[in-house]
ModelCIF file with pLDDT and N, C-alpha, C, O atoms, coordinates in Angstrom:
data_MODEL
#
_entry.id   MODEL 
#
_entity.id                         1 
_entity.type                       polymer 
_entity.pdbx_number_of_molecules   1 
#
_entity_poly.entity_id                      1 
_entity_poly.type                           'polypeptide(L)' 
_entity_poly.nstd_linkage                   no 
_entity_poly.nstd_monomer                   no 
_entity_poly.pdbx_seq_one_letter_code       CFQKDDVVKLMEIYDWADKIVSVSPSYWADIPGQFKVFIDRCTPW 
_entity_poly.pdbx_seq_one_letter_code_can   CFQKDDVVKLMEIYDWADKIVSVSPSYWADIPGQFKVFIDRCTPW 
_entity_poly.pdbx_strand_id                 A 
#
loop_
_entity_poly_seq.entity_id 
_entity_poly_seq.num 
_entity_poly_seq.mon_id 
_entity_poly_seq.hetero 
1 1  CYS n 
1 2  PHE n 
1 3  GLN n 
1 4  LYS n 
1 5  ASP n 
1 6  ASP n 
1 7  VAL n 
1 8  VAL n 
1 9  LYS n 
1 10 LEU n 
1 11 MET n 
1 12 GLU n 
1 13 ILE n 
1 14 TYR n 
1 15 ASP n 
1 16 TRP n 
1 17 ALA n 
1 18 ASP n 
1 19 LYS n 
1 20 ILE n 
1 21 VAL n 
1 22 SER n 
1 23 VAL n 
1 24 SER n 
1 25 PRO n 
1 26 SER n 
1 27 TYR n 
1 28 TRP n 
1 29 ALA n 
1 30 ASP n 
1 31 ILE n 
1 32 PRO n 
1 33 GLY n 
1 34 GLN n 
1 35 PHE n 
1 36 LYS n 
1 37 VAL n 
1 38 PHE n 
1 39 ILE n 
1 40 ASP n 
1 41 ARG n 
1 42 CYS n 
1 43 THR n 
1 44 PRO n 
1 45 TRP n 
#
_struct_asym.id          A 
_struct_asym.entity_id   1 
#
loop_
_ma_qa_metric.id 
_ma_qa_metric.mode 
_ma_qa_metric.name 
_ma_qa_metric.software_group_id 
_ma_qa_metric.type 
1 global pLDDT . pLDDT 
2 local  pLDDT . pLDDT 
#
_ma_qa_metric_global.metric_id      1 
_ma_qa_metric_global.metric_value   97.69 
_ma_qa_metric_global.model_id       1 
_ma_qa_metric_global.ordinal_id     1 
#
loop_
_ma_qa_metric_local.label_asym_id 
_ma_qa_metric_local.label_comp_id 
_ma_qa_metric_local.label_seq_id 
_ma_qa_metric_local.metric_id 
_ma_qa_metric_local.metric_value 
_ma_qa_metric_local.model_id 
_ma_qa_metric_local.ordinal_id 
A CYS 1  2 98.00 1 1  
A PHE 2  2 97.00 1 2  
A GLN 3  2 97.00 1 3  
A LYS 4  2 96.00 1 4  
A ASP 5  2 98.00 1 5  
A ASP 6  2 98.00 1 6  
A VAL 7  2 98.00 1 7  
A VAL 8  2 98.00 1 8  
A LYS 9  2 98.00 1 9  
A LEU 10 2 98.00 1 10 
A MET 11 2 98.00 1 11 
A GLU 12 2 98.00 1 12 
A ILE 13 2 98.00 1 13 
A TYR 14 2 98.00 1 14 
A ASP 15 2 98.00 1 15 
A TRP 16 2 98.00 1 16 
A ALA 17 2 98.00 1 17 
A ASP 18 2 97.00 1 18 
A LYS 19 2 98.00 1 19 
A ILE 20 2 98.00 1 20 
A VAL 21 2 98.00 1 21 
A SER 22 2 98.00 1 22 
A VAL 23 2 98.00 1 23 
A SER 24 2 98.00 1 24 
A PRO 25 2 98.00 1 25 
A SER 26 2 97.00 1 26 
A TYR 27 2 97.00 1 27 
A TRP 28 2 96.00 1 28 
A ALA 29 2 94.00 1 29 
A ASP 30 2 97.00 1 30 
A ILE 31 2 98.00 1 31 
A PRO 32 2 98.00 1 32 
A GLY 33 2 98.00 1 33 
A GLN 34 2 98.00 1 34 
A PHE 35 2 98.00 1 35 
A LYS 36 2 98.00 1 36 
A VAL 37 2 98.00 1 37 
A PHE 38 2 98.00 1 38 
A ILE 39 2 98.00 1 39 
A ASP 40 2 98.00 1 40 
A ARG 41 2 98.00 1 41 
A CYS 42 2 98.00 1 42 
A THR 43 2 98.00 1 43 
A PRO 44 2 98.00 1 44 
A TRP 45 2 98.00 1 45 
#
loop_
_atom_site.group_PDB 
_atom_site.id 
_atom_site.type_symbol 
_atom_site.label_atom_id 
_atom_site.label_alt_id 
_atom_site.label_comp_id 
_atom_site.label_asym_id 
_atom_site.label_entity_id 
_atom_site.label_seq_id 
_atom_site.pdbx_PDB_ins_code 
_atom_site.Cartn_x 
_atom_site.Cartn_y 
_atom_site.Cartn_z 
_atom_site.occupancy 
_atom_site.B_iso_or_equiv 
_atom_site.pdbx_formal_charge 
_atom_site.auth_seq_id 
_atom_site.auth_comp_id 
_atom_site.auth_asym_id 
_atom_site.auth_atom_id 
_atom_site.pdbx_PDB_model_num 
ATOM 1   N N  . CYS A 1 1  ? 3.615  67.425 184.707 1.00 98.00 ? 1  CYS A N  1 
ATOM 2   C CA . CYS A 1 1  ? 4.182  66.026 184.982 1.00 98.00 ? 1  CYS A CA 1 
ATOM 3   C C  . CYS A 1 1  ? 2.501  65.082 184.917 1.00 98.00 ? 1  CYS A C  1 
ATOM 4   O O  . CYS A 1 1  ? 1.538  65.467 185.580 1.00 98.00 ? 1  CYS A O  1 
ATOM 5   N N  . PHE A 1 2  ? 2.452  63.900 184.042 1.00 97.00 ? 2  PHE A N  1 
ATOM 6   C CA . PHE A 1 2  ? 1.178  63.403 184.027 1.00 97.00 ? 2  PHE A CA 1 
ATOM 7   C C  . PHE A 1 2  ? 1.060  62.192 185.607 1.00 97.00 ? 2  PHE A C  1 
ATOM 8   O O  . PHE A 1 2  ? 0.124  61.452 185.908 1.00 97.00 ? 2  PHE A O  1 
ATOM 9   N N  . GLN A 1 3  ? 2.095  62.358 186.173 1.00 97.00 ? 3  GLN A N  1 
ATOM 10  C CA . GLN A 1 3  ? 1.962  61.521 187.640 1.00 97.00 ? 3  GLN A CA 1 
ATOM 11  C C  . GLN A 1 3  ? 1.393  62.348 188.491 1.00 97.00 ? 3  GLN A C  1 
ATOM 12  O O  . GLN A 1 3  ? 1.704  63.539 188.490 1.00 97.00 ? 3  GLN A O  1 
ATOM 13  N N  . LYS A 1 4  ? 0.292  61.743 189.515 1.00 96.00 ? 4  LYS A N  1 
ATOM 14  C CA . LYS A 1 4  ? -0.360 62.696 190.266 1.00 96.00 ? 4  LYS A CA 1 
ATOM 15  C C  . LYS A 1 4  ? 0.148  62.090 191.834 1.00 96.00 ? 4  LYS A C  1 
ATOM 16  O O  . LYS A 1 4  ? -0.013 60.972 192.323 1.00 96.00 ? 4  LYS A O  1 
ATOM 17  N N  . ASP A 1 5  ? 0.724  63.139 192.307 1.00 98.00 ? 5  ASP A N  1 
ATOM 18  C CA . ASP A 1 5  ? 1.241  62.988 193.879 1.00 98.00 ? 5  ASP A CA 1 
ATOM 19  C C  . ASP A 1 5  ? 1.409  64.168 194.542 1.00 98.00 ? 5  ASP A C  1 
ATOM 20  O O  . ASP A 1 5  ? 0.523  65.017 194.444 1.00 98.00 ? 5  ASP A O  1 
ATOM 21  N N  . ASP A 1 6  ? 2.544  64.415 195.307 1.00 98.00 ? 6  ASP A N  1 
ATOM 22  C CA . ASP A 1 6  ? 2.396  65.644 196.271 1.00 98.00 ? 6  ASP A CA 1 
ATOM 23  C C  . ASP A 1 6  ? 3.486  66.443 195.698 1.00 98.00 ? 6  ASP A C  1 
ATOM 24  O O  . ASP A 1 6  ? 4.033  67.141 196.552 1.00 98.00 ? 6  ASP A O  1 
ATOM 25  N N  . VAL A 1 7  ? 3.993  66.561 194.455 1.00 98.00 ? 7  VAL A N  1 
ATOM 26  C CA . VAL A 1 7  ? 5.012  67.453 193.915 1.00 98.00 ? 7  VAL A CA 1 
ATOM 27  C C  . VAL A 1 7  ? 4.500  68.890 193.726 1.00 98.00 ? 7  VAL A C  1 
ATOM 28  O O  . VAL A 1 7  ? 5.179  69.869 194.036 1.00 98.00 ? 7  VAL A O  1 
ATOM 29  N N  . VAL A 1 8  ? 3.133  68.972 193.144 1.00 98.00 ? 8  VAL A N  1 
ATOM 30  C CA . VAL A 1 8  ? 2.857  70.237 193.073 1.00 98.00 ? 8  VAL A CA 1 
ATOM 31  C C  . VAL A 1 8  ? 2.439  70.805 194.545 1.00 98.00 ? 8  VAL A C  1 
ATOM 32  O O  . VAL A 1 8  ? 2.701  71.983 194.790 1.00 98.00 ? 8  VAL A O  1 
ATOM 33  N N  . LYS A 1 9  ? 1.920  70.155 195.342 1.00 98.00 ? 9  LYS A N  1 
ATOM 34  C CA . LYS A 1 9  ? 1.724  70.682 196.838 1.00 98.00 ? 9  LYS A CA 1 
ATOM 35  C C  . LYS A 1 9  ? 2.720  71.144 197.451 1.00 98.00 ? 9  LYS A C  1 
ATOM 36  O O  . LYS A 1 9  ? 2.672  72.054 198.279 1.00 98.00 ? 9  LYS A O  1 
ATOM 37  N N  . LEU A 1 10 ? 3.991  70.378 196.987 1.00 98.00 ? 10 LEU A N  1 
ATOM 38  C CA . LEU A 1 10 ? 5.338  71.231 197.823 1.00 98.00 ? 10 LEU A CA 1 
ATOM 39  C C  . LEU A 1 10 ? 5.744  72.414 196.926 1.00 98.00 ? 10 LEU A C  1 
ATOM 40  O O  . LEU A 1 10 ? 6.174  73.434 197.463 1.00 98.00 ? 10 LEU A O  1 
ATOM 41  N N  . MET A 1 11 ? 5.628  72.330 195.570 1.00 98.00 ? 11 MET A N  1 
ATOM 42  C CA . MET A 1 11 ? 6.085  73.260 194.764 1.00 98.00 ? 11 MET A CA 1 
ATOM 43  C C  . MET A 1 11 ? 5.092  74.678 195.098 1.00 98.00 ? 11 MET A C  1 
ATOM 44  O O  . MET A 1 11 ? 5.455  75.854 195.111 1.00 98.00 ? 11 MET A O  1 
ATOM 45  N N  . GLU A 1 12 ? 4.108  74.267 195.284 1.00 98.00 ? 12 GLU A N  1 
ATOM 46  C CA . GLU A 1 12 ? 3.123  75.405 196.007 1.00 98.00 ? 12 GLU A CA 1 
ATOM 47  C C  . GLU A 1 12 ? 3.527  76.235 197.063 1.00 98.00 ? 12 GLU A C  1 
ATOM 48  O O  . GLU A 1 12 ? 3.349  77.450 197.136 1.00 98.00 ? 12 GLU A O  1 
ATOM 49  N N  . ILE A 1 13 ? 4.155  75.410 197.982 1.00 98.00 ? 13 ILE A N  1 
ATOM 50  C CA . ILE A 1 13 ? 5.019  75.766 199.507 1.00 98.00 ? 13 ILE A CA 1 
ATOM 51  C C  . ILE A 1 13 ? 6.067  76.735 198.891 1.00 98.00 ? 13 ILE A C  1 
ATOM 52  O O  . ILE A 1 13 ? 6.132  77.932 199.171 1.00 98.00 ? 13 ILE A O  1 
ATOM 53  N N  . TYR A 1 14 ? 6.907  76.062 197.992 1.00 98.00 ? 14 TYR A N  1 
ATOM 54  C CA . TYR A 1 14 ? 7.991  76.668 197.330 1.00 98.00 ? 14 TYR A CA 1 
ATOM 55  C C  . TYR A 1 14 ? 7.652  78.164 196.861 1.00 98.00 ? 14 TYR A C  1 
ATOM 56  O O  . TYR A 1 14 ? 8.318  79.152 197.169 1.00 98.00 ? 14 TYR A O  1 
ATOM 57  N N  . ASP A 1 15 ? 6.567  78.161 196.107 1.00 98.00 ? 15 ASP A N  1 
ATOM 58  C CA . ASP A 1 15 ? 6.055  79.697 195.664 1.00 98.00 ? 15 ASP A CA 1 
ATOM 59  C C  . ASP A 1 15 ? 5.521  80.427 196.672 1.00 98.00 ? 15 ASP A C  1 
ATOM 60  O O  . ASP A 1 15 ? 5.791  81.626 196.741 1.00 98.00 ? 15 ASP A O  1 
ATOM 61  N N  . TRP A 1 16 ? 4.823  79.923 197.449 1.00 98.00 ? 16 TRP A N  1 
ATOM 62  C CA . TRP A 1 16 ? 4.600  80.523 198.850 1.00 98.00 ? 16 TRP A CA 1 
ATOM 63  C C  . TRP A 1 16 ? 5.633  81.718 199.534 1.00 98.00 ? 16 TRP A C  1 
ATOM 64  O O  . TRP A 1 16 ? 5.422  82.869 199.915 1.00 98.00 ? 16 TRP A O  1 
ATOM 65  N N  . ALA A 1 17 ? 7.083  80.688 199.485 1.00 98.00 ? 17 ALA A N  1 
ATOM 66  C CA . ALA A 1 17 ? 8.164  81.349 200.367 1.00 98.00 ? 17 ALA A CA 1 
ATOM 67  C C  . ALA A 1 17 ? 8.749  82.422 199.499 1.00 98.00 ? 17 ALA A C  1 
ATOM 68  O O  . ALA A 1 17 ? 8.726  82.364 198.269 1.00 98.00 ? 17 ALA A O  1 
ATOM 69  N N  . ASP A 1 18 ? 9.275  83.405 200.193 1.00 97.00 ? 18 ASP A N  1 
ATOM 70  C CA . ASP A 1 18 ? 10.204 84.524 199.749 1.00 97.00 ? 18 ASP A CA 1 
ATOM 71  C C  . ASP A 1 18 ? 11.639 84.188 199.661 1.00 97.00 ? 18 ASP A C  1 
ATOM 72  O O  . ASP A 1 18 ? 12.470 84.587 198.845 1.00 97.00 ? 18 ASP A O  1 
ATOM 73  N N  . LYS A 1 19 ? 11.798 83.230 200.837 1.00 98.00 ? 19 LYS A N  1 
ATOM 74  C CA . LYS A 1 19 ? 13.164 82.765 201.076 1.00 98.00 ? 19 LYS A CA 1 
ATOM 75  C C  . LYS A 1 19 ? 13.143 81.026 201.277 1.00 98.00 ? 19 LYS A C  1 
ATOM 76  O O  . LYS A 1 19 ? 12.269 80.546 201.999 1.00 98.00 ? 19 LYS A O  1 
ATOM 77  N N  . ILE A 1 20 ? 13.956 80.298 200.729 1.00 98.00 ? 20 ILE A N  1 
ATOM 78  C CA . ILE A 1 20 ? 14.149 78.796 201.034 1.00 98.00 ? 20 ILE A CA 1 
ATOM 79  C C  . ILE A 1 20 ? 15.411 78.489 201.511 1.00 98.00 ? 20 ILE A C  1 
ATOM 80  O O  . ILE A 1 20 ? 16.470 78.751 200.941 1.00 98.00 ? 20 ILE A O  1 
ATOM 81  N N  . VAL A 1 21 ? 15.253 77.852 202.715 1.00 98.00 ? 21 VAL A N  1 
ATOM 82  C CA . VAL A 1 21 ? 16.541 77.198 203.302 1.00 98.00 ? 21 VAL A CA 1 
ATOM 83  C C  . VAL A 1 21 ? 16.101 75.580 202.965 1.00 98.00 ? 21 VAL A C  1 
ATOM 84  O O  . VAL A 1 21 ? 15.038 74.973 203.096 1.00 98.00 ? 21 VAL A O  1 
ATOM 85  N N  . SER A 1 22 ? 17.380 75.208 202.493 1.00 98.00 ? 22 SER A N  1 
ATOM 86  C CA . SER A 1 22 ? 17.373 73.572 202.346 1.00 98.00 ? 22 SER A CA 1 
ATOM 87  C C  . SER A 1 22 ? 18.557 73.047 203.307 1.00 98.00 ? 22 SER A C  1 
ATOM 88  O O  . SER A 1 22 ? 19.735 73.402 203.324 1.00 98.00 ? 22 SER A O  1 
ATOM 89  N N  . VAL A 1 23 ? 17.974 72.215 204.000 1.00 98.00 ? 23 VAL A N  1 
ATOM 90  C CA . VAL A 1 23 ? 19.150 71.591 205.089 1.00 98.00 ? 23 VAL A CA 1 
ATOM 91  C C  . VAL A 1 23 ? 18.992 69.935 204.772 1.00 98.00 ? 23 VAL A C  1 
ATOM 92  O O  . VAL A 1 23 ? 18.016 69.201 204.928 1.00 98.00 ? 23 VAL A O  1 
ATOM 93  N N  . SER A 1 24 ? 20.449 69.626 204.226 1.00 98.00 ? 24 SER A N  1 
ATOM 94  C CA . SER A 1 24 ? 20.714 68.694 203.783 1.00 98.00 ? 24 SER A CA 1 
ATOM 95  C C  . SER A 1 24 ? 21.750 67.889 204.457 1.00 98.00 ? 24 SER A C  1 
ATOM 96  O O  . SER A 1 24 ? 22.873 68.388 204.525 1.00 98.00 ? 24 SER A O  1 
ATOM 97  N N  . PRO A 1 25 ? 21.525 66.581 205.028 1.00 98.00 ? 25 PRO A N  1 
ATOM 98  C CA . PRO A 1 25 ? 22.838 65.788 205.319 1.00 98.00 ? 25 PRO A CA 1 
ATOM 99  C C  . PRO A 1 25 ? 23.495 65.149 204.049 1.00 98.00 ? 25 PRO A C  1 
ATOM 100 O O  . PRO A 1 25 ? 23.103 65.479 202.929 1.00 98.00 ? 25 PRO A O  1 
ATOM 101 N N  . SER A 1 26 ? 24.606 64.132 204.247 1.00 97.00 ? 26 SER A N  1 
ATOM 102 C CA . SER A 1 26 ? 25.592 63.665 203.255 1.00 97.00 ? 26 SER A CA 1 
ATOM 103 C C  . SER A 1 26 ? 25.026 62.275 203.149 1.00 97.00 ? 26 SER A C  1 
ATOM 104 O O  . SER A 1 26 ? 25.061 61.608 204.183 1.00 97.00 ? 26 SER A O  1 
ATOM 105 N N  . TYR A 1 27 ? 24.468 61.685 201.979 1.00 97.00 ? 27 TYR A N  1 
ATOM 106 C CA . TYR A 1 27 ? 24.257 60.420 201.696 1.00 97.00 ? 27 TYR A CA 1 
ATOM 107 C C  . TYR A 1 27 ? 25.194 60.025 200.587 1.00 97.00 ? 27 TYR A C  1 
ATOM 108 O O  . TYR A 1 27 ? 25.041 60.290 199.395 1.00 97.00 ? 27 TYR A O  1 
ATOM 109 N N  . TRP A 1 28 ? 26.155 59.377 201.120 1.00 96.00 ? 28 TRP A N  1 
ATOM 110 C CA . TRP A 1 28 ? 27.327 58.891 200.067 1.00 96.00 ? 28 TRP A CA 1 
ATOM 111 C C  . TRP A 1 28 ? 27.655 60.302 199.058 1.00 96.00 ? 28 TRP A C  1 
ATOM 112 O O  . TRP A 1 28 ? 27.692 60.457 197.837 1.00 96.00 ? 28 TRP A O  1 
ATOM 113 N N  . ALA A 1 29 ? 27.835 61.080 200.050 1.00 94.00 ? 29 ALA A N  1 
ATOM 114 C CA . ALA A 1 29 ? 28.599 62.460 199.446 1.00 94.00 ? 29 ALA A CA 1 
ATOM 115 C C  . ALA A 1 29 ? 27.733 63.277 198.571 1.00 94.00 ? 29 ALA A C  1 
ATOM 116 O O  . ALA A 1 29 ? 28.123 64.140 197.784 1.00 94.00 ? 29 ALA A O  1 
ATOM 117 N N  . ASP A 1 30 ? 26.440 62.888 198.808 1.00 97.00 ? 30 ASP A N  1 
ATOM 118 C CA . ASP A 1 30 ? 25.508 63.792 198.123 1.00 97.00 ? 30 ASP A CA 1 
ATOM 119 C C  . ASP A 1 30 ? 24.185 64.106 198.676 1.00 97.00 ? 30 ASP A C  1 
ATOM 120 O O  . ASP A 1 30 ? 23.893 63.805 199.834 1.00 97.00 ? 30 ASP A O  1 
ATOM 121 N N  . ILE A 1 31 ? 23.341 64.731 197.840 1.00 98.00 ? 31 ILE A N  1 
ATOM 122 C CA . ILE A 1 31 ? 21.920 64.837 198.690 1.00 98.00 ? 31 ILE A CA 1 
ATOM 123 C C  . ILE A 1 31 ? 21.193 63.385 198.806 1.00 98.00 ? 31 ILE A C  1 
ATOM 124 O O  . ILE A 1 31 ? 21.413 62.432 198.058 1.00 98.00 ? 31 ILE A O  1 
ATOM 125 N N  . PRO A 1 32 ? 20.327 63.409 199.843 1.00 98.00 ? 32 PRO A N  1 
ATOM 126 C CA . PRO A 1 32 ? 19.605 62.183 199.947 1.00 98.00 ? 32 PRO A CA 1 
ATOM 127 C C  . PRO A 1 32 ? 18.733 61.835 198.872 1.00 98.00 ? 32 PRO A C  1 
ATOM 128 O O  . PRO A 1 32 ? 18.030 62.646 198.269 1.00 98.00 ? 32 PRO A O  1 
ATOM 129 N N  . GLY A 1 33 ? 18.806 60.451 198.619 1.00 98.00 ? 33 GLY A N  1 
ATOM 130 C CA . GLY A 1 33 ? 17.887 60.118 197.222 1.00 98.00 ? 33 GLY A CA 1 
ATOM 131 C C  . GLY A 1 33 ? 16.593 60.552 197.226 1.00 98.00 ? 33 GLY A C  1 
ATOM 132 O O  . GLY A 1 33 ? 16.091 60.860 196.145 1.00 98.00 ? 33 GLY A O  1 
ATOM 133 N N  . GLN A 1 34 ? 15.749 60.664 198.555 1.00 98.00 ? 34 GLN A N  1 
ATOM 134 C CA . GLN A 1 34 ? 14.530 61.204 198.267 1.00 98.00 ? 34 GLN A CA 1 
ATOM 135 C C  . GLN A 1 34 ? 14.433 62.500 197.793 1.00 98.00 ? 34 GLN A C  1 
ATOM 136 O O  . GLN A 1 34 ? 13.502 62.747 197.026 1.00 98.00 ? 34 GLN A O  1 
ATOM 137 N N  . PHE A 1 35 ? 15.329 63.511 198.143 1.00 98.00 ? 35 PHE A N  1 
ATOM 138 C CA . PHE A 1 35 ? 15.081 64.660 197.702 1.00 98.00 ? 35 PHE A CA 1 
ATOM 139 C C  . PHE A 1 35 ? 15.730 64.871 196.361 1.00 98.00 ? 35 PHE A C  1 
ATOM 140 O O  . PHE A 1 35 ? 15.449 65.869 195.697 1.00 98.00 ? 35 PHE A O  1 
ATOM 141 N N  . LYS A 1 36 ? 16.686 63.865 195.889 1.00 98.00 ? 36 LYS A N  1 
ATOM 142 C CA . LYS A 1 36 ? 16.988 63.893 194.372 1.00 98.00 ? 36 LYS A CA 1 
ATOM 143 C C  . LYS A 1 36 ? 15.834 63.625 193.633 1.00 98.00 ? 36 LYS A C  1 
ATOM 144 O O  . LYS A 1 36 ? 15.564 64.322 192.655 1.00 98.00 ? 36 LYS A O  1 
ATOM 145 N N  . VAL A 1 37 ? 14.904 62.414 194.091 1.00 98.00 ? 37 VAL A N  1 
ATOM 146 C CA . VAL A 1 37 ? 13.669 62.380 193.116 1.00 98.00 ? 37 VAL A CA 1 
ATOM 147 C C  . VAL A 1 37 ? 12.871 63.440 193.143 1.00 98.00 ? 37 VAL A C  1 
ATOM 148 O O  . VAL A 1 37 ? 12.277 63.655 192.087 1.00 98.00 ? 37 VAL A O  1 
ATOM 149 N N  . PHE A 1 38 ? 12.643 64.278 194.156 1.00 98.00 ? 38 PHE A N  1 
ATOM 150 C CA . PHE A 1 38 ? 12.159 65.751 194.239 1.00 98.00 ? 38 PHE A CA 1 
ATOM 151 C C  . PHE A 1 38 ? 12.535 66.542 192.965 1.00 98.00 ? 38 PHE A C  1 
ATOM 152 O O  . PHE A 1 38 ? 11.785 67.085 192.154 1.00 98.00 ? 38 PHE A O  1 
ATOM 153 N N  . ILE A 1 39 ? 13.819 66.476 192.991 1.00 98.00 ? 39 ILE A N  1 
ATOM 154 C CA . ILE A 1 39 ? 14.440 67.507 192.054 1.00 98.00 ? 39 ILE A CA 1 
ATOM 155 C C  . ILE A 1 39 ? 14.207 67.013 190.824 1.00 98.00 ? 39 ILE A C  1 
ATOM 156 O O  . ILE A 1 39 ? 13.955 67.872 189.979 1.00 98.00 ? 39 ILE A O  1 
ATOM 157 N N  . ASP A 1 40 ? 14.214 65.745 190.414 1.00 98.00 ? 40 ASP A N  1 
ATOM 158 C CA . ASP A 1 40 ? 14.037 65.220 189.163 1.00 98.00 ? 40 ASP A CA 1 
ATOM 159 C C  . ASP A 1 40 ? 12.540 65.224 188.716 1.00 98.00 ? 40 ASP A C  1 
ATOM 160 O O  . ASP A 1 40 ? 12.215 64.944 187.562 1.00 98.00 ? 40 ASP A O  1 
ATOM 161 N N  . ARG A 1 41 ? 11.647 65.558 189.693 1.00 98.00 ? 41 ARG A N  1 
ATOM 162 C CA . ARG A 1 41 ? 10.326 65.676 189.223 1.00 98.00 ? 41 ARG A CA 1 
ATOM 163 C C  . ARG A 1 41 ? 9.833  67.383 189.376 1.00 98.00 ? 41 ARG A C  1 
ATOM 164 O O  . ARG A 1 41 ? 8.686  67.821 189.473 1.00 98.00 ? 41 ARG A O  1 
ATOM 165 N N  . CYS A 1 42 ? 10.792 67.938 189.362 1.00 98.00 ? 42 CYS A N  1 
ATOM 166 C CA . CYS A 1 42 ? 10.758 69.490 188.936 1.00 98.00 ? 42 CYS A CA 1 
ATOM 167 C C  . CYS A 1 42 ? 11.193 69.646 187.712 1.00 98.00 ? 42 CYS A C  1 
ATOM 168 O O  . CYS A 1 42 ? 11.590 70.803 187.576 1.00 98.00 ? 42 CYS A O  1 
ATOM 169 N N  . THR A 1 43 ? 11.316 68.964 186.659 1.00 98.00 ? 43 THR A N  1 
ATOM 170 C CA . THR A 1 43 ? 11.697 69.173 185.586 1.00 98.00 ? 43 THR A CA 1 
ATOM 171 C C  . THR A 1 43 ? 10.279 70.112 184.796 1.00 98.00 ? 43 THR A C  1 
ATOM 172 O O  . THR A 1 43 ? 10.499 70.896 183.873 1.00 98.00 ? 43 THR A O  1 
ATOM 173 N N  . PRO A 1 44 ? 9.140  69.911 185.235 1.00 98.00 ? 44 PRO A N  1 
ATOM 174 C CA . PRO A 1 44 ? 8.237  70.974 184.455 1.00 98.00 ? 44 PRO A CA 1 
ATOM 175 C C  . PRO A 1 44 ? 8.607  72.568 184.865 1.00 98.00 ? 44 PRO A C  1 
ATOM 176 O O  . PRO A 1 44 ? 8.331  73.557 184.186 1.00 98.00 ? 44 PRO A O  1 
ATOM 177 N N  . TRP A 1 45 ? 9.284  72.546 186.116 1.00 98.00 ? 45 TRP A N  1 
ATOM 178 C CA . TRP A 1 45 ? 9.812  74.117 186.385 1.00 98.00 ? 45 TRP A CA 1 
ATOM 179 C C  . TRP A 1 45 ? 10.976 74.373 186.001 1.00 98.00 ? 45 TRP A C  1 
ATOM 180 O O  . TRP A 1 45 ? 11.444 75.501 186.159 1.00 98.00 ? 45 TRP A O  1 
#
């Protein structure tokens, strides 16, 4: 991505892990918007 922020930093932690446990509440019957923004920004992967 041409945008420079913390997405790569977080994805480096994903890459470090053998197992990932995602804990999510319901925001209007789906994942929180902040996490959805992160998922959208993972399009390079």
